[in-house]
Amino acid sequence: MPAIDTTDMKLQTRASLPQAKKTPDHRAKGPNKDTLKAMVELDDGKGEKHNSISSLMASLNADD
C-alpha cells in the first residue's frame, strides 16, 4: 500500500472552522400572552386538559 503524502494537507482545528453567527434569532423566546393566559387558566383549574394528542387536536380543530 503506498504511503499517503500529507505535505499539502492542512490540519483543521475547531477554531479554524467557520462558525455560525449568533444572532438574537437563535435565543429561546418566552411564551406569548395567549400561552401565558392558558398556563394561568390551567393552574387555576379552568383550562381544558387533554389525555391524548388526538383529543387535543380535535379540540384545536373544533375552534376553526
PDB file of N, CA and C in Angstrom:
ATOM      1  N   MET A   1       0.845  -1.168   0.000  1.00  0.00           N
ATOM      2  CA  MET A   1       0.000   0.000   0.000  1.00  0.00           C
ATOM      3  C   MET A   1       0.898   1.241   0.000  1.00  0.00           C
ATOM      4  N   PRO A   2       0.641   2.175  -0.917  1.00  0.00           N
ATOM      5  CA  PRO A   2       1.505   3.360  -0.986  1.00  0.00           C
ATOM      6  C   PRO A   2       1.248   4.304   0.193  1.00  0.00           C
ATOM      7  N   ALA A   3       2.269   5.008   0.571  1.00  0.00           N
ATOM      8  CA  ALA A   3       2.149   5.975   1.666  1.00  0.00           C
ATOM      9  C   ALA A   3       1.348   7.186   1.202  1.00  0.00           C
ATOM     10  N   ILE A   4       0.627   7.788   2.097  1.00  0.00           N
ATOM     11  CA  ILE A   4      -0.175   8.971   1.779  1.00  0.00           C
ATOM     12  C   ILE A   4       0.685  10.211   1.988  1.00  0.00           C
ATOM     13  N   ASP A   5       0.728  11.048   0.967  1.00  0.00           N
ATOM     14  CA  ASP A   5       1.500  12.288   1.059  1.00  0.00           C
ATOM     15  C   ASP A   5       0.656  13.338   1.780  1.00  0.00           C
ATOM     16  N   THR A   6       1.095  13.755   2.941  1.00  0.00           N
ATOM     17  CA  THR A   6       0.331  14.711   3.740  1.00  0.00           C
ATOM     18  C   THR A   6       0.938  16.103   3.729  1.00  0.00           C
ATOM     19  N   THR A   7       1.872  16.368   2.841  1.00  0.00           N
ATOM     20  CA  THR A   7       2.539  17.675   2.851  1.00  0.00           C
ATOM     21  C   THR A   7       1.592  18.813   2.477  1.00  0.00           C
ATOM     22  N   ASP A   8       0.584  18.558   1.646  1.00  0.00           N
ATOM     23  CA  ASP A   8      -0.329  19.621   1.234  1.00  0.00           C
ATOM     24  C   ASP A   8      -1.588  19.696   2.103  1.00  0.00           C
ATOM     25  N   MET A   9      -1.727  18.766   3.003  1.00  0.00           N
ATOM     26  CA  MET A   9      -2.924  18.763   3.845  1.00  0.00           C
ATOM     27  C   MET A   9      -2.740  19.712   5.022  1.00  0.00           C
ATOM     28  N   LYS A  10      -3.797  20.422   5.336  1.00  0.00           N
ATOM     29  CA  LYS A  10      -3.765  21.318   6.486  1.00  0.00           C
ATOM     30  C   LYS A  10      -4.648  20.726   7.577  1.00  0.00           C
ATOM     31  N   LEU A  11      -4.157  20.774   8.765  1.00  0.00           N
ATOM     32  CA  LEU A  11      -4.935  20.294   9.898  1.00  0.00           C
ATOM     33  C   LEU A  11      -5.960  21.360  10.264  1.00  0.00           C
ATOM     34  N   GLN A  12      -7.223  20.983  10.250  1.00  0.00           N
ATOM     35  CA  GLN A  12      -8.265  21.938  10.627  1.00  0.00           C
ATOM     36  C   GLN A  12      -8.626  21.727  12.087  1.00  0.00           C
ATOM     37  N   THR A  13      -8.461  22.760  12.844  1.00  0.00           N
ATOM     38  CA  THR A  13      -8.873  22.698  14.241  1.00  0.00           C
ATOM     39  C   THR A  13     -10.266  23.283  14.349  1.00  0.00           C
ATOM     40  N   ARG A  14     -10.871  23.086  15.478  1.00  0.00           N
ATOM     41  CA  ARG A  14     -12.216  23.617  15.694  1.00  0.00           C
ATOM     42  C   ARG A  14     -12.222  25.136  15.532  1.00  0.00           C
ATOM     43  N   ALA A  15     -11.166  25.795  15.944  1.00  0.00           N
ATOM     44  CA  ALA A  15     -11.101  27.252  15.850  1.00  0.00           C
ATOM     45  C   ALA A  15     -11.010  27.723  14.401  1.00  0.00           C
ATOM     46  N   SER A  16     -10.469  26.903  13.509  1.00  0.00           N
ATOM     47  CA  SER A  16     -10.308  27.336  12.123  1.00  0.00           C
ATOM     48  C   SER A  16     -11.543  27.073  11.271  1.00  0.00           C
ATOM     49  N   LEU A  17     -12.499  26.303  11.784  1.00  0.00           N
ATOM     50  CA  LEU A  17     -13.715  26.028  11.031  1.00  0.00           C
ATOM     51  C   LEU A  17     -14.642  27.237  11.075  1.00  0.00           C
ATOM     52  N   PRO A  18     -15.423  27.451  10.019  1.00  0.00           N
ATOM     53  CA  PRO A  18     -16.342  28.589  10.039  1.00  0.00           C
ATOM     54  C   PRO A  18     -17.392  28.417  11.136  1.00  0.00           C
ATOM     55  N   GLN A  19     -17.650  29.482  11.840  1.00  0.00           N
ATOM     56  CA  GLN A  19     -18.599  29.443  12.944  1.00  0.00           C
ATOM     57  C   GLN A  19     -19.921  30.071  12.526  1.00  0.00           C
ATOM     58  N   ALA A  20     -21.005  29.530  13.028  1.00  0.00           N
ATOM     59  CA  ALA A  20     -22.321  30.110  12.767  1.00  0.00           C
ATOM     60  C   ALA A  20     -22.416  31.434  13.517  1.00  0.00           C
ATOM     61  N   LYS A  21     -22.990  32.413  12.861  1.00  0.00           N
ATOM     62  CA  LYS A  21     -23.148  33.710  13.508  1.00  0.00           C
ATOM     63  C   LYS A  21     -24.272  33.610  14.532  1.00  0.00           C
ATOM     64  N   LYS A  22     -23.996  34.127  15.699  1.00  0.00           N
ATOM     65  CA  LYS A  22     -25.001  34.100  16.749  1.00  0.00           C
ATOM     66  C   LYS A  22     -25.802  35.394  16.670  1.00  0.00           C
ATOM     67  N   THR A  23     -27.045  35.255  16.347  1.00  0.00           N
ATOM     68  CA  THR A  23     -27.923  36.416  16.250  1.00  0.00           C
ATOM     69  C   THR A  23     -29.011  36.286  17.302  1.00  0.00           C
ATOM     70  N   PRO A  24     -29.706  37.357  17.578  1.00  0.00           N
ATOM     71  CA  PRO A  24     -30.785  37.280  18.564  1.00  0.00           C
ATOM     72  C   PRO A  24     -31.868  36.267  18.195  1.00  0.00           C
ATOM     73  N   ASP A  25     -31.978  35.903  16.908  1.00  0.00           N
ATOM     74  CA  ASP A  25     -32.998  34.946  16.486  1.00  0.00           C
ATOM     75  C   ASP A  25     -32.755  33.554  17.052  1.00  0.00           C
ATOM     76  N   HIS A  26     -31.525  33.261  17.460  1.00  0.00           N
ATOM     77  CA  HIS A  26     -31.206  31.933  17.965  1.00  0.00           C
ATOM     78  C   HIS A  26     -31.562  31.770  19.436  1.00  0.00           C
ATOM     79  N   ARG A  27     -31.916  32.852  20.085  1.00  0.00           N
ATOM     80  CA  ARG A  27     -32.249  32.763  21.504  1.00  0.00           C
ATOM     81  C   ARG A  27     -33.645  32.179  21.683  1.00  0.00           C
ATOM     82  N   ALA A  28     -33.804  31.473  22.764  1.00  0.00           N
ATOM     83  CA  ALA A  28     -35.131  30.918  23.061  1.00  0.00           C
ATOM     84  C   ALA A  28     -36.066  32.058  23.436  1.00  0.00           C
ATOM     85  N   LYS A  29     -37.266  31.988  22.925  1.00  0.00           N
ATOM     86  CA  LYS A  29     -38.248  33.026  23.219  1.00  0.00           C
ATOM     87  C   LYS A  29     -39.193  32.518  24.296  1.00  0.00           C
ATOM     88  N   GLY A  30     -39.653  33.422  25.115  1.00  0.00           N
ATOM     89  CA  GLY A  30     -40.601  33.068  26.158  1.00  0.00           C
ATOM     90  C   GLY A  30     -41.998  32.902  25.586  1.00  0.00           C
ATOM     91  N   PRO A  31     -42.908  32.412  26.394  1.00  0.00           N
ATOM     92  CA  PRO A  31     -44.280  32.215  25.922  1.00  0.00           C
ATOM     93  C   PRO A  31     -44.963  33.552  25.618  1.00  0.00           C
ATOM     94  N   ASN A  32     -45.839  33.547  24.618  1.00  0.00           N
ATOM     95  CA  ASN A  32     -46.574  34.764  24.287  1.00  0.00           C
ATOM     96  C   ASN A  32     -47.739  34.944  25.262  1.00  0.00           C
ATOM     97  N   LYS A  33     -48.502  36.035  25.105  1.00  0.00           N
ATOM     98  CA  LYS A  33     -49.552  36.346  26.086  1.00  0.00           C
ATOM     99  C   LYS A  33     -50.664  35.306  26.095  1.00  0.00           C
ATOM    100  N   ASP A  34     -50.979  34.725  24.930  1.00  0.00           N
ATOM    101  CA  ASP A  34     -52.022  33.695  24.889  1.00  0.00           C
ATOM    102  C   ASP A  34     -51.590  32.437  25.634  1.00  0.00           C
ATOM    103  N   THR A  35     -50.322  32.078  25.474  1.00  0.00           N
ATOM    104  CA  THR A  35     -49.800  30.905  26.171  1.00  0.00           C
ATOM    105  C   THR A  35     -49.776  31.150  27.674  1.00  0.00           C
ATOM    106  N   LEU A  36     -49.352  32.351  28.072  1.00  0.00           N
ATOM    107  CA  LEU A  36     -49.332  32.675  29.498  1.00  0.00           C
ATOM    108  C   LEU A  36     -50.739  32.625  30.093  1.00  0.00           C
ATOM    109  N   LYS A  37     -51.725  33.135  29.351  1.00  0.00           N
ATOM    110  CA  LYS A  37     -53.114  33.105  29.810  1.00  0.00           C
ATOM    111  C   LYS A  37     -53.581  31.658  29.995  1.00  0.00           C
ATOM    112  N   ALA A  38     -53.262  30.797  29.024  1.00  0.00           N
ATOM    113  CA  ALA A  38     -53.650  29.388  29.114  1.00  0.00           C
ATOM    114  C   ALA A  38     -52.964  28.702  30.291  1.00  0.00           C
ATOM    115  N   MET A  39     -51.709  29.059  30.545  1.00  0.00           N
ATOM    116  CA  MET A  39     -50.987  28.461  31.668  1.00  0.00           C
ATOM    117  C   MET A  39     -51.637  28.851  32.996  1.00  0.00           C
ATOM    118  N   VAL A  40     -52.040  30.112  33.112  1.00  0.00           N
ATOM    119  CA  VAL A  40     -52.707  30.567  34.334  1.00  0.00           C
ATOM    120  C   VAL A  40     -54.046  29.859  34.500  1.00  0.00           C
ATOM    121  N   GLU A  41     -54.794  29.707  33.403  1.00  0.00           N
ATOM    122  CA  GLU A  41     -56.080  29.007  33.469  1.00  0.00           C
ATOM    123  C   GLU A  41     -55.901  27.562  33.919  1.00  0.00           C
ATOM    124  N   LEU A  42     -54.882  26.896  33.395  1.00  0.00           N
ATOM    125  CA  LEU A  42     -54.636  25.509  33.806  1.00  0.00           C
ATOM    126  C   LEU A  42     -54.265  25.429  35.278  1.00  0.00           C
ATOM    127  N   ASP A  43     -53.449  26.384  35.733  1.00  0.00           N
ATOM    128  CA  ASP A  43     -53.073  26.397  37.146  1.00  0.00           C
ATOM    129  C   ASP A  43     -54.280  26.638  38.043  1.00  0.00           C
ATOM    130  N   ASP A  44     -55.239  27.428  37.557  1.00  0.00           N
ATOM    131  CA  ASP A  44     -56.450  27.718  38.330  1.00  0.00           C
ATOM    132  C   ASP A  44     -57.512  26.635  38.179  1.00  0.00           C
ATOM    133  N   GLY A  45     -57.272  25.648  37.327  1.00  0.00           N
ATOM    134  CA  GLY A  45     -58.220  24.563  37.125  1.00  0.00           C
ATOM    135  C   GLY A  45     -59.332  24.901  36.145  1.00  0.00           C
ATOM    136  N   LYS A  46     -59.175  25.957  35.352  1.00  0.00           N
ATOM    137  CA  LYS A  46     -60.225  26.380  34.427  1.00  0.00           C
ATOM    138  C   LYS A  46     -60.018  25.862  33.008  1.00  0.00           C
ATOM    139  N   GLY A  47     -58.795  25.657  32.605  1.00  0.00           N
ATOM    140  CA  GLY A  47     -58.499  25.304  31.218  1.00  0.00           C
ATOM    141  C   GLY A  47     -58.835  23.863  30.886  1.00  0.00           C
ATOM    142  N   GLU A  48     -58.841  23.572  29.591  1.00  0.00           N
ATOM    143  CA  GLU A  48     -59.101  22.206  29.134  1.00  0.00           C
ATOM    144  C   GLU A  48     -57.861  21.348  29.353  1.00  0.00           C
ATOM    145  N   LYS A  49     -58.073  20.149  29.838  1.00  0.00           N
ATOM    146  CA  LYS A  49     -56.967  19.209  29.995  1.00  0.00           C
ATOM    147  C   LYS A  49     -57.211  18.044  29.057  1.00  0.00           C
ATOM    148  N   HIS A  50     -56.183  17.641  28.351  1.00  0.00           N
ATOM    149  CA  HIS A  50     -56.305  16.564  27.372  1.00  0.00           C
ATOM    150  C   HIS A  50     -55.427  15.392  27.798  1.00  0.00           C
ATOM    151  N   ASN A  51     -55.970  14.197  27.619  1.00  0.00           N
ATOM    152  CA  ASN A  51     -55.233  12.990  27.980  1.00  0.00           C
ATOM    153  C   ASN A  51     -54.492  12.390  26.805  1.00  0.00           C
ATOM    154  N   SER A  52     -54.736  12.908  25.610  1.00  0.00           N
ATOM    155  CA  SER A  52     -54.053  12.359  24.441  1.00  0.00           C
ATOM    156  C   SER A  52     -53.881  13.452  23.399  1.00  0.00           C
ATOM    157  N   ILE A  53     -52.981  13.203  22.495  1.00  0.00           N
ATOM    158  CA  ILE A  53     -52.742  14.141  21.398  1.00  0.00           C
ATOM    159  C   ILE A  53     -53.981  14.239  20.519  1.00  0.00           C
ATOM    160  N   SER A  54     -54.657  13.119  20.308  1.00  0.00           N
ATOM    161  CA  SER A  54     -55.831  13.138  19.429  1.00  0.00           C
ATOM    162  C   SER A  54     -56.949  14.006  20.009  1.00  0.00           C
ATOM    163  N   SER A  55     -57.141  13.983  21.332  1.00  0.00           N
ATOM    164  CA  SER A  55     -58.179  14.840  21.916  1.00  0.00           C
ATOM    165  C   SER A  55     -57.777  16.307  21.850  1.00  0.00           C
ATOM    166  N   LEU A  56     -56.495  16.587  22.007  1.00  0.00           N
ATOM    167  CA  LEU A  56     -56.003  17.960  21.867  1.00  0.00           C
ATOM    168  C   LEU A  56     -56.208  18.457  20.447  1.00  0.00           C
ATOM    169  N   MET A  57     -55.850  17.633  19.459  1.00  0.00           N
ATOM    170  CA  MET A  57     -56.001  18.033  18.058  1.00  0.00           C
ATOM    171  C   MET A  57     -57.472  18.222  17.701  1.00  0.00           C
ATOM    172  N   ALA A  58     -58.345  17.372  18.224  1.00  0.00           N
ATOM    173  CA  ALA A  58     -59.780  17.516  17.960  1.00  0.00           C
ATOM    174  C   ALA A  58     -60.294  18.830  18.528  1.00  0.00           C
ATOM    175  N   SER A  59     -59.812  19.193  19.711  1.00  0.00           N
ATOM    176  CA  SER A  59     -60.227  20.452  20.329  1.00  0.00           C
ATOM    177  C   SER A  59     -59.716  21.648  19.533  1.00  0.00           C
ATOM    178  N   LEU A  60     -58.485  21.582  19.089  1.00  0.00           N
ATOM    179  CA  LEU A  60     -57.909  22.683  18.307  1.00  0.00           C
ATOM    180  C   LEU A  60     -58.614  22.832  16.967  1.00  0.00           C
ATOM    181  N   ASN A  61     -58.934  21.725  16.319  1.00  0.00           N
ATOM    182  CA  ASN A  61     -59.610  21.775  15.021  1.00  0.00           C
ATOM    183  C   ASN A  61     -61.057  22.226  15.159  1.00  0.00           C
ATOM    184  N   ALA A  62     -61.680  21.985  16.303  1.00  0.00           N
ATOM    185  CA  ALA A  62     -63.070  22.391  16.514  1.00  0.00           C
ATOM    186  C   ALA A  62     -63.194  23.905  16.642  1.00  0.00           C
ATOM    187  N   ASP A  63     -62.109  24.573  17.046  1.00  0.00           N
ATOM    188  CA  ASP A  63     -62.133  26.030  17.197  1.00  0.00           C
ATOM    189  C   ASP A  63     -62.205  26.752  15.866  1.00  0.00           C
ATOM    190  N   ASP A  64     -61.825  26.098  14.783  1.00  0.00           N
ATOM    191  CA  ASP A  64     -61.787  26.758  13.463  1.00  0.00           C
ATOM    192  C   ASP A  64     -63.145  27.019  12.908  1.00  0.00           C
TER     193      ASP A  64
END
